[in-house]
């Protein structure tokens, strides 16, 4: 089970990191952007670490209180869920 959890977390967080980076690049070039709804969905399904990292690496969405406050909360929830699952199944 652990390899699947690690694999999923790695993939979804790379996707979230890339999505934020692409959105920032498109914002600079004033092109069609990735919707905040889509960014939130990626974050909600496990991409909170990638989103949080990219927010500060790319300086993107750092003035949006819902991202600044919400993403760290989701990261805490995601970590709690993963730890709980691992403890219950024995790692």
N, C-alpha and C. Protein backbone atom coordinates (compact mmCIF):
# COMPACT_ATOMS: atom_id res chain seq x y z
N UNK A 1 0.82 -1.20 0.00
CA UNK A 1 0.00 0.00 0.00
C UNK A 1 0.86 1.26 0.00
N UNK A 2 1.95 1.24 0.77
CA UNK A 2 2.82 2.41 0.87
C UNK A 2 3.35 2.87 -0.48
N UNK A 3 3.82 1.97 -1.35
CA UNK A 3 4.31 2.44 -2.65
C UNK A 3 3.24 3.15 -3.48
N UNK A 4 1.99 2.71 -3.35
CA UNK A 4 0.90 3.35 -4.09
C UNK A 4 0.62 4.75 -3.56
N UNK A 5 0.65 4.87 -2.24
CA UNK A 5 0.41 6.19 -1.63
C UNK A 5 1.52 7.15 -2.03
N UNK A 6 2.76 6.69 -1.95
CA UNK A 6 3.89 7.54 -2.32
C UNK A 6 3.82 7.90 -3.80
N UNK A 7 3.52 6.93 -4.64
CA UNK A 7 3.41 7.18 -6.08
C UNK A 7 2.33 8.18 -6.41
N UNK A 8 1.15 7.99 -5.82
CA UNK A 8 0.05 8.92 -6.06
C UNK A 8 0.41 10.32 -5.59
N UNK A 9 0.96 10.41 -4.38
CA UNK A 9 1.33 11.72 -3.83
C UNK A 9 2.36 12.41 -4.72
N UNK A 10 3.33 11.67 -5.19
CA UNK A 10 4.36 12.26 -6.05
C UNK A 10 3.75 12.78 -7.35
N UNK A 11 2.93 11.97 -7.98
CA UNK A 11 2.34 12.36 -9.27
C UNK A 11 1.42 13.56 -9.12
N UNK A 12 0.51 13.53 -8.16
CA UNK A 12 -0.46 14.63 -8.03
C UNK A 12 0.23 15.92 -7.61
N UNK A 13 1.29 15.83 -6.82
CA UNK A 13 1.99 17.04 -6.41
C UNK A 13 2.85 17.62 -7.52
N UNK A 14 3.40 16.78 -8.38
CA UNK A 14 4.09 17.30 -9.57
C UNK A 14 3.09 17.98 -10.48
N UNK A 15 1.92 17.38 -10.65
CA UNK A 15 0.88 17.99 -11.48
C UNK A 15 0.45 19.33 -10.91
N UNK A 16 0.27 19.41 -9.60
CA UNK A 16 -0.15 20.68 -8.99
C UNK A 16 0.94 21.73 -9.13
N UNK A 17 2.19 21.34 -8.93
CA UNK A 17 3.32 22.26 -9.06
C UNK A 17 3.41 22.79 -10.49
N UNK A 18 3.31 21.89 -11.45
CA UNK A 18 3.36 22.29 -12.86
C UNK A 18 2.18 23.19 -13.23
N UNK A 19 1.00 22.86 -12.74
CA UNK A 19 -0.19 23.66 -13.05
C UNK A 19 -0.04 25.10 -12.57
N UNK A 20 0.46 25.26 -11.37
CA UNK A 20 0.66 26.61 -10.84
C UNK A 20 1.74 27.34 -11.64
N UNK A 21 2.80 26.65 -12.00
CA UNK A 21 3.86 27.27 -12.80
C UNK A 21 3.37 27.68 -14.18
N UNK A 22 2.59 26.82 -14.80
CA UNK A 22 2.03 27.13 -16.12
C UNK A 22 1.07 28.30 -16.02
N UNK A 23 0.24 28.31 -14.98
CA UNK A 23 -0.71 29.41 -14.81
C UNK A 23 0.02 30.73 -14.60
N UNK A 24 1.09 30.71 -13.83
CA UNK A 24 1.88 31.94 -13.60
C UNK A 24 2.48 32.42 -14.91
N UNK A 25 3.01 31.50 -15.68
CA UNK A 25 3.62 31.88 -16.96
C UNK A 25 2.57 32.48 -17.90
N UNK A 26 1.40 31.85 -17.95
CA UNK A 26 0.32 32.37 -18.79
C UNK A 26 -0.15 33.74 -18.29
N UNK A 27 -0.16 33.94 -17.00
CA UNK A 27 -0.56 35.24 -16.44
C UNK A 27 0.39 36.33 -16.89
N UNK A 28 1.67 36.04 -16.88
CA UNK A 28 2.67 37.03 -17.32
C UNK A 28 2.50 37.38 -18.79
N UNK A 29 2.13 36.39 -19.59
CA UNK A 29 1.99 36.60 -21.03
C UNK A 29 0.58 37.00 -21.42
N UNK A 30 -0.29 37.17 -20.42
CA UNK A 30 -1.68 37.55 -20.63
C UNK A 30 -2.39 36.61 -21.60
N UNK A 31 -2.19 35.32 -21.40
CA UNK A 31 -2.84 34.29 -22.20
C UNK A 31 -3.95 33.65 -21.38
N UNK A 32 -4.72 32.78 -22.04
CA UNK A 32 -5.80 32.04 -21.38
C UNK A 32 -5.20 31.21 -20.26
N UNK A 33 -5.76 31.33 -19.06
CA UNK A 33 -5.17 30.74 -17.87
C UNK A 33 -5.93 29.52 -17.37
N UNK A 34 -5.29 28.82 -16.45
CA UNK A 34 -5.92 27.69 -15.77
C UNK A 34 -6.86 28.28 -14.72
N UNK A 35 -8.08 27.79 -14.67
CA UNK A 35 -9.06 28.36 -13.74
C UNK A 35 -8.67 28.05 -12.29
N UNK A 36 -9.08 28.96 -11.40
CA UNK A 36 -8.83 28.73 -9.98
C UNK A 36 -9.55 27.47 -9.52
N UNK A 37 -10.72 27.20 -10.09
CA UNK A 37 -11.46 25.99 -9.73
C UNK A 37 -10.62 24.75 -10.03
N UNK A 38 -10.00 24.71 -11.18
CA UNK A 38 -9.16 23.56 -11.54
C UNK A 38 -7.95 23.45 -10.61
N UNK A 39 -7.34 24.59 -10.30
CA UNK A 39 -6.20 24.58 -9.37
C UNK A 39 -6.63 24.05 -8.00
N UNK A 40 -7.82 24.44 -7.56
CA UNK A 40 -8.33 23.96 -6.28
C UNK A 40 -8.63 22.47 -6.32
N UNK A 41 -9.19 21.99 -7.41
CA UNK A 41 -9.50 20.55 -7.52
C UNK A 41 -8.21 19.74 -7.41
N UNK A 42 -7.19 20.16 -8.13
CA UNK A 42 -5.90 19.45 -8.07
C UNK A 42 -5.35 19.47 -6.64
N UNK A 43 -5.48 20.62 -5.99
CA UNK A 43 -5.02 20.75 -4.61
C UNK A 43 -5.82 19.84 -3.68
N UNK A 44 -7.14 19.83 -3.85
CA UNK A 44 -8.01 19.04 -2.98
C UNK A 44 -7.78 17.53 -3.09
N UNK A 45 -7.45 17.05 -4.27
CA UNK A 45 -7.29 15.60 -4.45
C UNK A 45 -5.89 15.12 -4.08
N UNK A 46 -5.14 15.97 -3.39
CA UNK A 46 -3.86 15.53 -2.85
C UNK A 46 -2.66 16.36 -3.24
N UNK A 47 -2.87 17.40 -4.02
CA UNK A 47 -1.74 18.20 -4.50
C UNK A 47 -1.39 19.40 -3.64
N UNK A 48 -1.73 19.35 -2.38
CA UNK A 48 -1.52 20.52 -1.51
C UNK A 48 -0.04 20.87 -1.32
N UNK A 49 0.82 19.89 -1.20
CA UNK A 49 2.25 20.17 -1.02
C UNK A 49 2.83 20.83 -2.27
N UNK A 50 2.48 20.32 -3.44
CA UNK A 50 2.96 20.92 -4.68
C UNK A 50 2.43 22.32 -4.89
N UNK A 51 1.17 22.53 -4.52
CA UNK A 51 0.57 23.86 -4.64
C UNK A 51 1.26 24.84 -3.70
N UNK A 52 1.46 24.43 -2.45
CA UNK A 52 2.09 25.33 -1.48
C UNK A 52 3.52 25.67 -1.90
N UNK A 53 4.26 24.68 -2.31
CA UNK A 53 5.63 24.91 -2.77
C UNK A 53 5.66 25.87 -3.95
N UNK A 54 4.80 25.64 -4.92
CA UNK A 54 4.81 26.47 -6.12
C UNK A 54 4.31 27.89 -5.86
N UNK A 55 3.42 28.05 -4.89
CA UNK A 55 2.94 29.39 -4.55
C UNK A 55 4.10 30.31 -4.21
N UNK A 56 5.05 29.79 -3.48
CA UNK A 56 6.17 30.62 -3.04
C UNK A 56 7.35 30.57 -4.00
N UNK A 57 7.53 29.47 -4.72
CA UNK A 57 8.58 29.42 -5.74
C UNK A 57 8.29 30.38 -6.88
N UNK A 58 7.02 30.39 -7.32
CA UNK A 58 6.63 31.21 -8.47
C UNK A 58 5.99 32.54 -8.05
N UNK A 59 5.83 32.75 -6.75
CA UNK A 59 5.12 33.92 -6.23
C UNK A 59 3.77 34.07 -6.91
N UNK A 60 3.01 33.00 -6.82
CA UNK A 60 1.73 32.93 -7.51
C UNK A 60 0.62 32.62 -6.52
N UNK A 61 -0.43 33.41 -6.55
CA UNK A 61 -1.61 33.28 -5.68
C UNK A 61 -1.29 33.61 -4.22
N UNK A 62 -0.17 34.27 -3.97
CA UNK A 62 0.21 34.58 -2.59
C UNK A 62 -0.53 35.79 -2.03
N UNK A 63 -1.29 36.47 -2.84
CA UNK A 63 -2.12 37.58 -2.36
C UNK A 63 -3.59 37.18 -2.24
N UNK A 64 -3.88 35.94 -2.58
CA UNK A 64 -5.25 35.41 -2.49
C UNK A 64 -5.40 34.70 -1.15
N UNK A 65 -6.16 35.31 -0.26
CA UNK A 65 -6.27 34.78 1.10
C UNK A 65 -6.79 33.35 1.13
N UNK A 66 -7.66 32.99 0.17
CA UNK A 66 -8.17 31.62 0.17
C UNK A 66 -7.06 30.62 -0.12
N UNK A 67 -6.07 30.99 -0.91
CA UNK A 67 -4.94 30.10 -1.16
C UNK A 67 -3.96 30.13 0.01
N UNK A 68 -3.64 31.33 0.48
CA UNK A 68 -2.67 31.48 1.57
C UNK A 68 -3.14 30.76 2.84
N UNK A 69 -4.43 30.84 3.13
CA UNK A 69 -4.97 30.19 4.33
C UNK A 69 -5.39 28.75 4.07
N UNK A 70 -5.99 28.50 2.91
CA UNK A 70 -6.58 27.19 2.64
C UNK A 70 -5.60 26.09 2.30
N UNK A 71 -4.57 26.40 1.55
CA UNK A 71 -3.64 25.36 1.12
C UNK A 71 -2.87 24.75 2.30
N UNK A 72 -2.36 25.54 3.24
CA UNK A 72 -1.70 24.91 4.40
C UNK A 72 -2.66 24.03 5.23
N UNK A 73 -3.91 24.45 5.33
CA UNK A 73 -4.90 23.63 6.05
C UNK A 73 -5.09 22.30 5.33
N UNK A 74 -5.23 22.36 4.01
CA UNK A 74 -5.38 21.12 3.24
C UNK A 74 -4.15 20.23 3.35
N UNK A 75 -2.98 20.83 3.37
CA UNK A 75 -1.76 20.05 3.53
C UNK A 75 -1.79 19.31 4.87
N UNK A 76 -2.20 19.99 5.92
CA UNK A 76 -2.30 19.35 7.24
C UNK A 76 -3.31 18.21 7.22
N UNK A 77 -4.44 18.42 6.56
CA UNK A 77 -5.46 17.38 6.44
C UNK A 77 -4.92 16.19 5.66
N UNK A 78 -4.26 16.46 4.54
CA UNK A 78 -3.72 15.37 3.72
C UNK A 78 -2.68 14.57 4.49
N UNK A 79 -1.78 15.25 5.19
CA UNK A 79 -0.77 14.54 5.97
C UNK A 79 -1.40 13.71 7.08
N UNK A 80 -2.41 14.26 7.73
CA UNK A 80 -3.11 13.52 8.78
C UNK A 80 -3.78 12.27 8.22
N UNK A 81 -4.43 12.40 7.07
CA UNK A 81 -5.07 11.24 6.45
C UNK A 81 -4.07 10.16 6.08
N UNK A 82 -2.97 10.55 5.48
CA UNK A 82 -1.95 9.57 5.07
C UNK A 82 -1.37 8.87 6.29
N UNK A 83 -1.03 9.64 7.31
CA UNK A 83 -0.47 9.04 8.52
C UNK A 83 -1.47 8.10 9.18
N UNK A 84 -2.72 8.51 9.25
CA UNK A 84 -3.76 7.67 9.84
C UNK A 84 -3.91 6.36 9.08
N UNK A 85 -3.96 6.43 7.77
CA UNK A 85 -4.08 5.22 6.95
C UNK A 85 -2.87 4.31 7.16
N UNK A 86 -1.68 4.88 7.16
CA UNK A 86 -0.48 4.07 7.33
C UNK A 86 -0.42 3.41 8.70
N UNK A 87 -0.82 4.12 9.73
CA UNK A 87 -0.82 3.55 11.09
C UNK A 87 -1.84 2.42 11.18
N UNK A 88 -3.00 2.61 10.59
CA UNK A 88 -4.07 1.60 10.70
C UNK A 88 -3.76 0.33 9.91
N UNK A 89 -3.05 0.48 8.79
CA UNK A 89 -2.74 -0.72 8.00
C UNK A 89 -1.35 -1.27 8.33
N UNK A 90 -0.64 -0.57 9.16
CA UNK A 90 0.67 -1.05 9.58
C UNK A 90 1.81 -0.67 8.68
N UNK A 91 1.66 0.42 7.93
CA UNK A 91 2.77 0.94 7.12
C UNK A 91 2.85 0.28 5.81
